[in-house]
Amino acid sequence: MDHSLTAQNIRNDVKTFKIFFEGFYPSVCIFANKFVKDLALAEDIAMEAFTVFWKSREKFGDLNAIRGFIYTVARNKCLNSIKQSARLDYNLKDDRFSEDYFHELQIEEETYRLVHRAIGILAPQGQRIIRLSLEGEKNQSIADLLNVSINTVKTLKKNAYEDLRQSLKNHFFLLFFLNQFLS
């Protein structure tokens, strides 16, 4: 993790905010798109959420509060967009509008972001193998695609998963996620 990504640095340093934005914006877009089902609109909503944060950035003392605020702003903007658009029959009893659904999406996107960031620091061949595995490719298929032996794939995959476990050890809830792929 980039240690410069503290709430104070994000609030006070434009370069650090840019790093935070570039790493977190895709997750907020995916999150918003699950509500509005329109990627261009979701991208606009995510951008607005970051803009709202930037205007009130002095209020935040830690990174989790910043992330939570941005997700909440994005959700509220999605709900407002849905209400205004008459594309959907707006019904607050719809599961997509519940607090539980909101928190599930938030956890899902944070998990996705953490796992893909951890994959991004693996050796290039390990990254390719893990990404192909997550796409559902079997070891033999990966070996054929990368023009290596199946034993090489198995060894590199095992090493990559060990590296991922080490990288994600402070995020214990993800270990369950990773173990699902090993079985």
C-alpha atoms as a PDB file:
ATOM      1  CA  MET A   1       0.000   0.000   0.000  1.00  0.00           C
ATOM      2  CA  ASP A   2       1.181   3.490  -0.786  1.00  0.00           C
ATOM      3  CA  HIS A   3       1.847   5.031   2.642  1.00  0.00           C
ATOM      4  CA  SER A   4       1.336   8.526   1.252  1.00  0.00           C
ATOM      5  CA  LEU A   5      -2.363   7.705   0.932  1.00  0.00           C
ATOM      6  CA  THR A   6      -3.409   9.082   4.280  1.00  0.00           C
ATOM      7  CA  ALA A   7      -6.487  11.201   4.833  1.00  0.00           C
ATOM      8  CA  GLN A   8      -4.316  14.213   5.574  1.00  0.00           C
ATOM      9  CA  ASN A   9      -2.258  13.811   2.402  1.00  0.00           C
ATOM     10  CA  ILE A  10      -5.359  13.206   0.269  1.00  0.00           C
ATOM     11  CA  ARG A  11      -6.968  16.339   1.703  1.00  0.00           C
ATOM     12  CA  ASN A  12      -3.923  18.587   1.381  1.00  0.00           C
ATOM     13  CA  ASP A  13      -1.857  17.367  -1.556  1.00  0.00           C
ATOM     14  CA  VAL A  14      -3.291  17.400  -5.082  1.00  0.00           C
ATOM     15  CA  LYS A  15      -0.778  14.796  -6.332  1.00  0.00           C
ATOM     16  CA  THR A  16      -1.755  12.373  -3.547  1.00  0.00           C
ATOM     17  CA  PHE A  17      -5.433  13.017  -4.222  1.00  0.00           C
ATOM     18  CA  LYS A  18      -4.799  12.183  -7.887  1.00  0.00           C
ATOM     19  CA  ILE A  19      -3.194   8.853  -6.902  1.00  0.00           C
ATOM     20  CA  PHE A  20      -6.151   8.104  -4.621  1.00  0.00           C
ATOM     21  CA  PHE A  21      -8.627   9.119  -7.330  1.00  0.00           C
ATOM     22  CA  GLU A  22      -6.968   6.971 -10.020  1.00  0.00           C
ATOM     23  CA  GLY A  23      -6.980   3.932  -7.738  1.00  0.00           C
ATOM     24  CA  PHE A  24     -10.487   4.339  -6.337  1.00  0.00           C
ATOM     25  CA  TYR A  25     -12.489   5.897  -9.200  1.00  0.00           C
ATOM     26  CA  PRO A  26     -12.965   2.620 -11.159  1.00  0.00           C
ATOM     27  CA  SER A  27     -14.477   0.947  -8.076  1.00  0.00           C
ATOM     28  CA  VAL A  28     -16.907   3.821  -7.550  1.00  0.00           C
ATOM     29  CA  CYS A  29     -17.908   3.640 -11.234  1.00  0.00           C
ATOM     30  CA  ILE A  30     -18.629  -0.081 -10.987  1.00  0.00           C
ATOM     31  CA  PHE A  31     -20.507   0.503  -7.742  1.00  0.00           C
ATOM     32  CA  ALA A  32     -22.676   3.260  -9.274  1.00  0.00           C
ATOM     33  CA  ASN A  33     -23.300   1.232 -12.423  1.00  0.00           C
ATOM     34  CA  LYS A  34     -24.902  -1.521 -10.350  1.00  0.00           C
ATOM     35  CA  PHE A  35     -27.581   0.989  -9.417  1.00  0.00           C
ATOM     36  CA  VAL A  36     -28.113   2.951 -12.616  1.00  0.00           C
ATOM     37  CA  LYS A  37     -27.196   0.308 -15.227  1.00  0.00           C
ATOM     38  CA  ASP A  38     -25.648   2.984 -17.471  1.00  0.00           C
ATOM     39  CA  LEU A  39     -21.845   3.173 -17.504  1.00  0.00           C
ATOM     40  CA  ALA A  40     -21.604   6.749 -18.799  1.00  0.00           C
ATOM     41  CA  LEU A  41     -24.039   7.937 -16.121  1.00  0.00           C
ATOM     42  CA  ALA A  42     -22.175   5.900 -13.487  1.00  0.00           C
ATOM     43  CA  GLU A  43     -18.894   7.553 -14.501  1.00  0.00           C
ATOM     44  CA  ASP A  44     -20.497  10.995 -14.176  1.00  0.00           C
ATOM     45  CA  ILE A  45     -21.914  10.095 -10.767  1.00  0.00           C
ATOM     46  CA  ALA A  46     -18.535   8.808  -9.578  1.00  0.00           C
ATOM     47  CA  MET A  47     -16.879  12.030 -10.727  1.00  0.00           C
ATOM     48  CA  GLU A  48     -19.532  14.061  -8.900  1.00  0.00           C
ATOM     49  CA  ALA A  49     -18.938  12.034  -5.724  1.00  0.00           C
ATOM     50  CA  PHE A  50     -15.231  12.864  -5.824  1.00  0.00           C
ATOM     51  CA  THR A  51     -16.044  16.515  -6.490  1.00  0.00           C
ATOM     52  CA  VAL A  52     -18.367  16.634  -3.474  1.00  0.00           C
ATOM     53  CA  PHE A  53     -15.637  15.036  -1.362  1.00  0.00           C
ATOM     54  CA  TRP A  54     -13.028  17.528  -2.577  1.00  0.00           C
ATOM     55  CA  LYS A  55     -15.261  20.470  -1.655  1.00  0.00           C
ATOM     56  CA  SER A  56     -15.718  19.147   1.898  1.00  0.00           C
ATOM     57  CA  ARG A  57     -12.394  17.318   2.316  1.00  0.00           C
ATOM     58  CA  GLU A  58     -11.392  19.111   5.532  1.00  0.00           C
ATOM     59  CA  LYS A  59     -14.096  17.212   7.445  1.00  0.00           C
ATOM     60  CA  PHE A  60     -12.397  13.820   7.127  1.00  0.00           C
ATOM     61  CA  GLY A  61      -9.857  12.392   9.534  1.00  0.00           C
ATOM     62  CA  ASP A  62      -9.257   8.935   8.098  1.00  0.00           C
ATOM     63  CA  LEU A  63      -9.197   7.050   4.818  1.00  0.00           C
ATOM     64  CA  ASN A  64     -12.156   4.800   5.659  1.00  0.00           C
ATOM     65  CA  ALA A  65     -14.327   7.848   6.334  1.00  0.00           C
ATOM     66  CA  ILE A  66     -13.329   9.277   2.941  1.00  0.00           C
ATOM     67  CA  ARG A  67     -14.155   6.047   1.111  1.00  0.00           C
ATOM     68  CA  GLY A  68     -17.442   5.646   2.972  1.00  0.00           C
ATOM     69  CA  PHE A  69     -18.406   9.241   2.198  1.00  0.00           C
ATOM     70  CA  ILE A  70     -17.657   8.847  -1.517  1.00  0.00           C
ATOM     71  CA  TYR A  71     -19.688   5.616  -1.711  1.00  0.00           C
ATOM     72  CA  THR A  72     -22.578   7.254   0.150  1.00  0.00           C
ATOM     73  CA  VAL A  73     -22.562  10.304  -2.115  1.00  0.00           C
ATOM     74  CA  ALA A  74     -22.437   8.047  -5.178  1.00  0.00           C
ATOM     75  CA  ARG A  75     -25.347   5.955  -3.899  1.00  0.00           C
ATOM     76  CA  ASN A  76     -27.455   9.018  -3.136  1.00  0.00           C
ATOM     77  CA  LYS A  77     -26.725  10.505  -6.556  1.00  0.00           C
ATOM     78  CA  CYS A  78     -27.694   7.179  -8.159  1.00  0.00           C
ATOM     79  CA  LEU A  79     -30.987   7.104  -6.279  1.00  0.00           C
ATOM     80  CA  ASN A  80     -31.706  10.713  -7.222  1.00  0.00           C
ATOM     81  CA  SER A  81     -30.949   9.935 -10.850  1.00  0.00           C
ATOM     82  CA  ILE A  82     -33.253   6.920 -10.806  1.00  0.00           C
ATOM     83  CA  LYS A  83     -36.053   8.922  -9.201  1.00  0.00           C
ATOM     84  CA  GLN A  84     -35.704  11.727 -11.728  1.00  0.00           C
ATOM     85  CA  SER A  85     -35.431   9.518 -14.769  1.00  0.00           C
ATOM     86  CA  ALA A  86     -38.673   7.544 -14.691  1.00  0.00           C
ATOM     87  CA  ARG A  87     -36.687   4.739 -16.361  1.00  0.00           C
ATOM     88  CA  LEU A  88     -37.527   2.556 -13.385  1.00  0.00           C
ATOM     89  CA  ASP A  89     -40.477   2.272 -11.108  1.00  0.00           C
ATOM     90  CA  TYR A  90     -38.818   3.734  -8.037  1.00  0.00           C
ATOM     91  CA  ASN A  91     -39.746   1.601  -5.053  1.00  0.00           C
ATOM     92  CA  LEU A  92     -37.779   1.887  -1.826  1.00  0.00           C
ATOM     93  CA  LYS A  93     -38.688  -1.710  -0.998  1.00  0.00           C
ATOM     94  CA  ASP A  94     -36.677  -2.820  -4.029  1.00  0.00           C
ATOM     95  CA  ASP A  95     -33.574  -4.666  -2.729  1.00  0.00           C
ATOM     96  CA  ARG A  96     -31.302  -2.358  -4.738  1.00  0.00           C
ATOM     97  CA  PHE A  97     -32.289   0.520  -2.478  1.00  0.00           C
ATOM     98  CA  SER A  98     -31.745  -1.173   0.884  1.00  0.00           C
ATOM     99  CA  GLU A  99     -28.915  -0.335   3.266  1.00  0.00           C
ATOM    100  CA  ASP A 100     -27.855  -3.996   3.215  1.00  0.00           C
ATOM    101  CA  TYR A 101     -27.481  -3.945  -0.565  1.00  0.00           C
ATOM    102  CA  PHE A 102     -25.518  -0.707  -0.359  1.00  0.00           C
ATOM    103  CA  HIS A 103     -23.104  -2.212   2.183  1.00  0.00           C
ATOM    104  CA  GLU A 104     -22.770  -5.441   0.193  1.00  0.00           C
ATOM    105  CA  LEU A 105     -21.832  -3.476  -2.926  1.00  0.00           C
ATOM    106  CA  GLN A 106     -19.397  -1.352  -0.970  1.00  0.00           C
ATOM    107  CA  ILE A 107     -17.667  -4.444   0.459  1.00  0.00           C
ATOM    108  CA  GLU A 108     -17.664  -6.131  -2.948  1.00  0.00           C
ATOM    109  CA  GLU A 109     -16.020  -3.168  -4.661  1.00  0.00           C
ATOM    110  CA  GLU A 110     -13.472  -2.646  -1.884  1.00  0.00           C
ATOM    111  CA  THR A 111     -12.583  -6.349  -2.018  1.00  0.00           C
ATOM    112  CA  TYR A 112     -12.260  -6.226  -5.800  1.00  0.00           C
ATOM    113  CA  ARG A 113     -10.006  -3.177  -5.567  1.00  0.00           C
ATOM    114  CA  LEU A 114      -7.749  -4.716  -2.894  1.00  0.00           C
ATOM    115  CA  VAL A 115      -7.395  -8.047  -4.703  1.00  0.00           C
ATOM    116  CA  HIS A 116      -6.613  -6.456  -8.059  1.00  0.00           C
ATOM    117  CA  ARG A 117      -4.118  -4.083  -6.485  1.00  0.00           C
ATOM    118  CA  ALA A 118      -2.397  -7.102  -4.850  1.00  0.00           C
ATOM    119  CA  ILE A 119      -2.406  -8.966  -8.170  1.00  0.00           C
ATOM    120  CA  GLY A 120      -0.832  -5.905  -9.785  1.00  0.00           C
ATOM    121  CA  ILE A 121       2.299  -6.233  -7.646  1.00  0.00           C
ATOM    122  CA  LEU A 122       2.924  -9.870  -8.572  1.00  0.00           C
ATOM    123  CA  ALA A 123       5.597 -10.796 -11.100  1.00  0.00           C
ATOM    124  CA  PRO A 124       4.248 -10.367 -14.663  1.00  0.00           C
ATOM    125  CA  GLN A 125       3.867 -14.091 -15.379  1.00  0.00           C
ATOM    126  CA  GLY A 126       2.152 -14.627 -12.011  1.00  0.00           C
ATOM    127  CA  GLN A 127      -0.225 -11.755 -12.801  1.00  0.00           C
ATOM    128  CA  ARG A 128      -1.162 -13.308 -16.137  1.00  0.00           C
ATOM    129  CA  ILE A 129      -1.751 -16.729 -14.590  1.00  0.00           C
ATOM    130  CA  ILE A 130      -3.873 -15.393 -11.733  1.00  0.00           C
ATOM    131  CA  ARG A 131      -5.941 -13.172 -14.038  1.00  0.00           C
ATOM    132  CA  LEU A 132      -6.567 -16.078 -16.416  1.00  0.00           C
ATOM    133  CA  SER A 133      -7.499 -18.289 -13.455  1.00  0.00           C
ATOM    134  CA  LEU A 134      -9.960 -15.694 -12.198  1.00  0.00           C
ATOM    135  CA  GLU A 135     -11.482 -15.625 -15.689  1.00  0.00           C
ATOM    136  CA  GLY A 136     -12.149 -19.358 -15.327  1.00  0.00           C
ATOM    137  CA  GLU A 137      -9.302 -20.756 -17.410  1.00  0.00           C
ATOM    138  CA  LYS A 138      -8.000 -24.195 -16.381  1.00  0.00           C
ATOM    139  CA  ASN A 139      -4.290 -24.911 -15.885  1.00  0.00           C
ATOM    140  CA  GLN A 140      -3.893 -26.697 -19.227  1.00  0.00           C
ATOM    141  CA  SER A 141      -5.579 -23.855 -21.075  1.00  0.00           C
ATOM    142  CA  ILE A 142      -3.334 -21.316 -19.323  1.00  0.00           C
ATOM    143  CA  ALA A 143      -0.265 -23.382 -20.209  1.00  0.00           C
ATOM    144  CA  ASP A 144      -1.346 -23.457 -23.860  1.00  0.00           C
ATOM    145  CA  LEU A 145      -2.062 -19.715 -23.935  1.00  0.00           C
ATOM    146  CA  LEU A 146       1.277 -18.804 -22.344  1.00  0.00           C
ATOM    147  CA  ASN A 147       3.249 -21.499 -24.174  1.00  0.00           C
ATOM    148  CA  VAL A 148       4.613 -23.041 -20.952  1.00  0.00           C
ATOM    149  CA  SER A 149       4.261 -26.449 -19.332  1.00  0.00           C
ATOM    150  CA  ILE A 150       1.340 -27.247 -17.067  1.00  0.00           C
ATOM    151  CA  ASN A 151       3.804 -27.822 -14.203  1.00  0.00           C
ATOM    152  CA  THR A 152       5.158 -24.302 -14.702  1.00  0.00           C
ATOM    153  CA  VAL A 153       1.599 -22.961 -14.463  1.00  0.00           C
ATOM    154  CA  LYS A 154       0.946 -24.952 -11.281  1.00  0.00           C
ATOM    155  CA  THR A 155       4.187 -23.779  -9.671  1.00  0.00           C
ATOM    156  CA  LEU A 156       3.739 -20.135 -10.649  1.00  0.00           C
ATOM    157  CA  LYS A 157       0.099 -20.202  -9.562  1.00  0.00           C
ATOM    158  CA  LYS A 158       1.028 -21.700  -6.185  1.00  0.00           C
ATOM    159  CA  ASN A 159       3.730 -19.059  -5.679  1.00  0.00           C
ATOM    160  CA  ALA A 160       1.391 -16.259  -6.760  1.00  0.00           C
ATOM    161  CA  TYR A 161      -1.317 -17.374  -4.326  1.00  0.00           C
ATOM    162  CA  GLU A 162       1.253 -17.483  -1.520  1.00  0.00           C
ATOM    163  CA  ASP A 163       2.345 -13.943  -2.424  1.00  0.00           C
ATOM    164  CA  LEU A 164      -1.294 -12.818  -2.510  1.00  0.00           C
ATOM    165  CA  ARG A 165      -1.962 -14.357   0.904  1.00  0.00           C
ATOM    166  CA  GLN A 166       1.033 -12.475   2.270  1.00  0.00           C
ATOM    167  CA  SER A 167      -0.018  -9.188   0.629  1.00  0.00           C
ATOM    168  CA  LEU A 168      -3.583  -9.532   1.867  1.00  0.00           C
ATOM    169  CA  LYS A 169      -2.879 -10.938   5.327  1.00  0.00           C
ATOM    170  CA  ASN A 170      -4.168  -7.773   6.986  1.00  0.00           C
ATOM    171  CA  HIS A 171      -7.430  -8.192   5.102  1.00  0.00           C
ATOM    172  CA  PHE A 172      -8.388 -11.517   6.666  1.00  0.00           C
ATOM    173  CA  PHE A 173     -11.836 -11.573   5.046  1.00  0.00           C
ATOM    174  CA  LEU A 174     -10.152 -11.898   1.647  1.00  0.00           C
ATOM    175  CA  LEU A 175      -8.275 -15.047   2.601  1.00  0.00           C
ATOM    176  CA  PHE A 176     -11.545 -16.937   2.373  1.00  0.00           C
ATOM    177  CA  PHE A 177     -12.040 -15.500  -1.127  1.00  0.00           C
ATOM    178  CA  LEU A 178      -8.580 -16.631  -2.239  1.00  0.00           C
ATOM    179  CA  ASN A 179      -8.948 -20.092  -0.712  1.00  0.00           C
ATOM    180  CA  GLN A 180     -12.058 -20.612  -2.864  1.00  0.00           C
ATOM    181  CA  PHE A 181      -9.848 -20.513  -5.962  1.00  0.00           C
ATOM    182  CA  LEU A 182      -7.320 -22.979  -4.577  1.00  0.00           C
ATOM    183  CA  SER A 183      -9.841 -25.740  -3.952  1.00  0.00           C
END
